[in-house]
Amino acid sequence: MYIPKGKSHTHKGKVYFGDTDAAGVVYYGNYLRFLEMGRIEYLQAMGYPYKSLRAEGIGLVPVHLDMNYHSPLKFEDNFTVSAAITRLSKASLIMTQSISCESVLICSATIKLACCDEVKFKAIKLPESLINTLIEFEKS
């Protein structure tokens, strides 16, 4: 099995009023949405858009998440989401992600995504095409 080098990709975002809670900071659950944006953009940058997986009836389903909050985001903050695939197994991958704002670490996360048949909801092998695309991405 290929051992990823952990090449990262970054995606920029902005906090909108609807992302915040009554305290004026980003509602904690919205960080998960921001991280998902980063994962989707990572696959796009890698050359394997998520819609390609969906067209094959395959999903990458979050099965485990470890997340630490370090500092809050506020309305109109511009932030950067970083994502990298750091580990592969036969039927899953692990991504390491972070959100930062002006060089301040906002949150860090490690997420395990299982490769899943979207019709049967059963774990399946990661597609060779995904692994090969990752290898080429990490060479660039």
Protein backbone atom coordinates (compact mmCIF):
# COMPACT_ATOMS: atom_id res chain seq x y z
CA MET A 1 0.00 0.00 0.00
CA TYR A 2 1.23 3.48 -0.88
CA ILE A 3 2.41 5.60 2.05
CA PRO A 4 1.31 9.22 1.47
CA LYS A 5 3.86 12.00 1.82
CA GLY A 6 1.20 14.30 3.28
CA LYS A 7 1.26 16.98 0.56
CA SER A 8 -1.23 19.61 1.64
CA HIS A 9 -3.64 21.86 -0.18
CA THR A 10 -5.17 25.04 1.21
CA HIS A 11 -8.56 26.60 0.63
CA LYS A 12 -9.60 30.10 1.69
CA GLY A 13 -12.93 30.92 3.31
CA LYS A 14 -14.74 33.72 5.09
CA VAL A 15 -17.00 33.74 8.15
CA TYR A 16 -20.51 34.99 7.45
CA PHE A 17 -23.05 36.16 10.00
CA GLY A 18 -25.02 32.91 9.70
CA ASP A 19 -21.91 30.95 10.75
CA THR A 20 -21.86 32.61 14.18
CA ASP A 21 -23.77 31.95 17.39
CA ALA A 22 -25.23 34.27 20.03
CA ALA A 23 -21.76 34.88 21.47
CA GLY A 24 -20.59 36.30 18.14
CA VAL A 25 -18.14 33.49 17.36
CA VAL A 26 -18.42 30.64 14.86
CA TYR A 27 -20.77 27.94 16.12
CA TYR A 28 -18.60 24.89 16.90
CA GLY A 29 -20.42 22.60 14.45
CA ASN A 30 -19.63 24.93 11.55
CA TYR A 31 -15.93 24.12 11.83
CA LEU A 32 -16.84 20.64 10.59
CA ARG A 33 -18.44 22.21 7.52
CA PHE A 34 -15.35 24.32 6.89
CA LEU A 35 -13.17 21.20 7.18
CA GLU A 36 -15.42 19.36 4.73
CA MET A 37 -14.98 22.23 2.25
CA GLY A 38 -11.23 21.77 2.61
CA ARG A 39 -11.48 18.02 1.94
CA ILE A 40 -13.63 18.54 -1.16
CA GLU A 41 -11.22 21.20 -2.47
CA TYR A 42 -8.24 18.93 -1.72
CA LEU A 43 -9.70 16.18 -3.92
CA GLN A 44 -10.42 18.75 -6.64
CA ALA A 45 -6.83 20.07 -6.51
CA MET A 46 -5.52 16.51 -6.51
CA GLY A 47 -7.35 15.93 -9.80
CA TYR A 48 -9.99 13.55 -8.44
CA PRO A 49 -13.12 15.63 -7.76
CA TYR A 50 -15.59 14.18 -5.26
CA LYS A 51 -18.23 14.09 -8.00
CA SER A 52 -16.05 11.50 -9.78
CA LEU A 53 -16.35 9.24 -6.75
CA ARG A 54 -20.10 9.84 -6.60
CA ALA A 55 -20.43 8.98 -10.31
CA GLU A 56 -18.88 5.58 -9.45
CA GLY A 57 -21.35 5.12 -6.57
CA ILE A 58 -18.57 5.61 -4.02
CA GLY A 59 -18.51 7.84 -0.96
CA LEU A 60 -15.87 8.75 1.60
CA VAL A 61 -17.78 8.54 4.86
CA PRO A 62 -16.42 10.08 8.08
CA VAL A 63 -16.13 7.30 10.67
CA HIS A 64 -13.83 8.92 13.23
CA LEU A 65 -12.92 12.51 14.03
CA ASP A 66 -10.45 13.91 16.52
CA MET A 67 -10.64 17.70 16.72
CA ASN A 68 -9.09 20.36 18.94
CA TYR A 69 -10.29 23.94 19.16
CA HIS A 70 -7.54 26.48 19.83
CA SER A 71 -9.03 29.92 19.13
CA PRO A 72 -12.40 31.22 17.86
CA LEU A 73 -13.28 32.65 14.48
CA LYS A 74 -15.54 35.71 14.36
CA PHE A 75 -17.83 37.36 11.81
CA GLU A 76 -15.95 38.48 8.67
CA ASP A 77 -12.72 36.65 9.57
CA ASN A 78 -10.89 35.30 6.55
CA PHE A 79 -9.49 31.84 7.21
CA THR A 80 -7.48 29.11 5.52
CA VAL A 81 -8.29 25.40 5.63
CA SER A 82 -5.36 23.05 5.10
CA ALA A 83 -5.83 19.37 4.24
CA ALA A 84 -3.50 16.45 3.56
CA ILE A 85 -3.94 12.71 3.20
CA THR A 86 -1.51 11.21 5.69
CA ARG A 87 -2.43 7.52 5.71
CA LEU A 88 -4.13 4.93 3.53
CA SER A 89 -5.47 1.47 4.23
CA LYS A 90 -7.38 -0.90 1.95
CA ALA A 91 -10.74 0.73 2.55
CA SER A 92 -10.05 4.05 4.29
CA LEU A 93 -7.84 7.09 4.44
CA ILE A 94 -6.83 9.53 7.12
CA MET A 95 -6.68 13.27 6.52
CA THR A 96 -4.98 15.79 8.75
CA GLN A 97 -6.57 19.23 8.61
CA SER A 98 -6.33 22.62 10.23
CA ILE A 99 -8.01 25.99 10.10
CA SER A 100 -5.96 29.13 10.63
CA CYS A 101 -6.61 32.86 10.55
CA GLU A 102 -3.75 35.33 10.10
CA SER A 103 -1.20 32.67 11.16
CA VAL A 104 -3.19 31.81 14.31
CA LEU A 105 -4.19 28.15 14.60
CA ILE A 106 -7.97 28.02 15.06
CA CYS A 107 -8.52 24.26 15.11
CA SER A 108 -6.78 21.05 14.14
CA ALA A 109 -8.36 17.75 13.20
CA THR A 110 -7.64 14.23 12.07
CA ILE A 111 -10.45 12.45 10.27
CA LYS A 112 -10.78 8.86 9.11
CA LEU A 113 -12.87 8.46 5.96
CA ALA A 114 -14.12 5.00 5.01
CA CYS A 115 -14.63 4.15 1.36
CA CYS A 116 -18.24 3.10 1.00
CA ASP A 117 -20.58 1.70 -1.64
CA GLU A 118 -23.28 4.40 -1.58
CA VAL A 119 -26.06 1.97 -2.51
CA LYS A 120 -25.30 -0.91 -0.13
CA PHE A 121 -23.65 1.25 2.55
CA LYS A 122 -20.86 -1.31 2.86
CA ALA A 123 -17.13 -0.66 3.10
CA ILE A 124 -15.23 -1.25 -0.14
CA LYS A 125 -11.63 -0.94 -1.32
CA LEU A 126 -10.30 2.50 -2.18
CA PRO A 127 -10.29 2.80 -5.98
CA GLU A 128 -6.86 2.26 -7.55
CA SER A 129 -7.54 5.35 -9.66
CA LEU A 130 -7.79 7.46 -6.47
CA ILE A 131 -4.51 6.05 -5.14
CA ASN A 132 -2.76 6.59 -8.48
CA THR A 133 -4.04 10.16 -8.67
CA LEU A 134 -2.75 10.81 -5.13
CA ILE A 135 0.68 9.45 -6.12
CA GLU A 136 0.83 11.80 -9.11
CA PHE A 137 -0.41 14.75 -7.04
CA GLU A 138 2.31 14.19 -4.45
CA LYS A 139 4.97 14.13 -7.19
CA SER A 140 3.96 17.59 -8.43
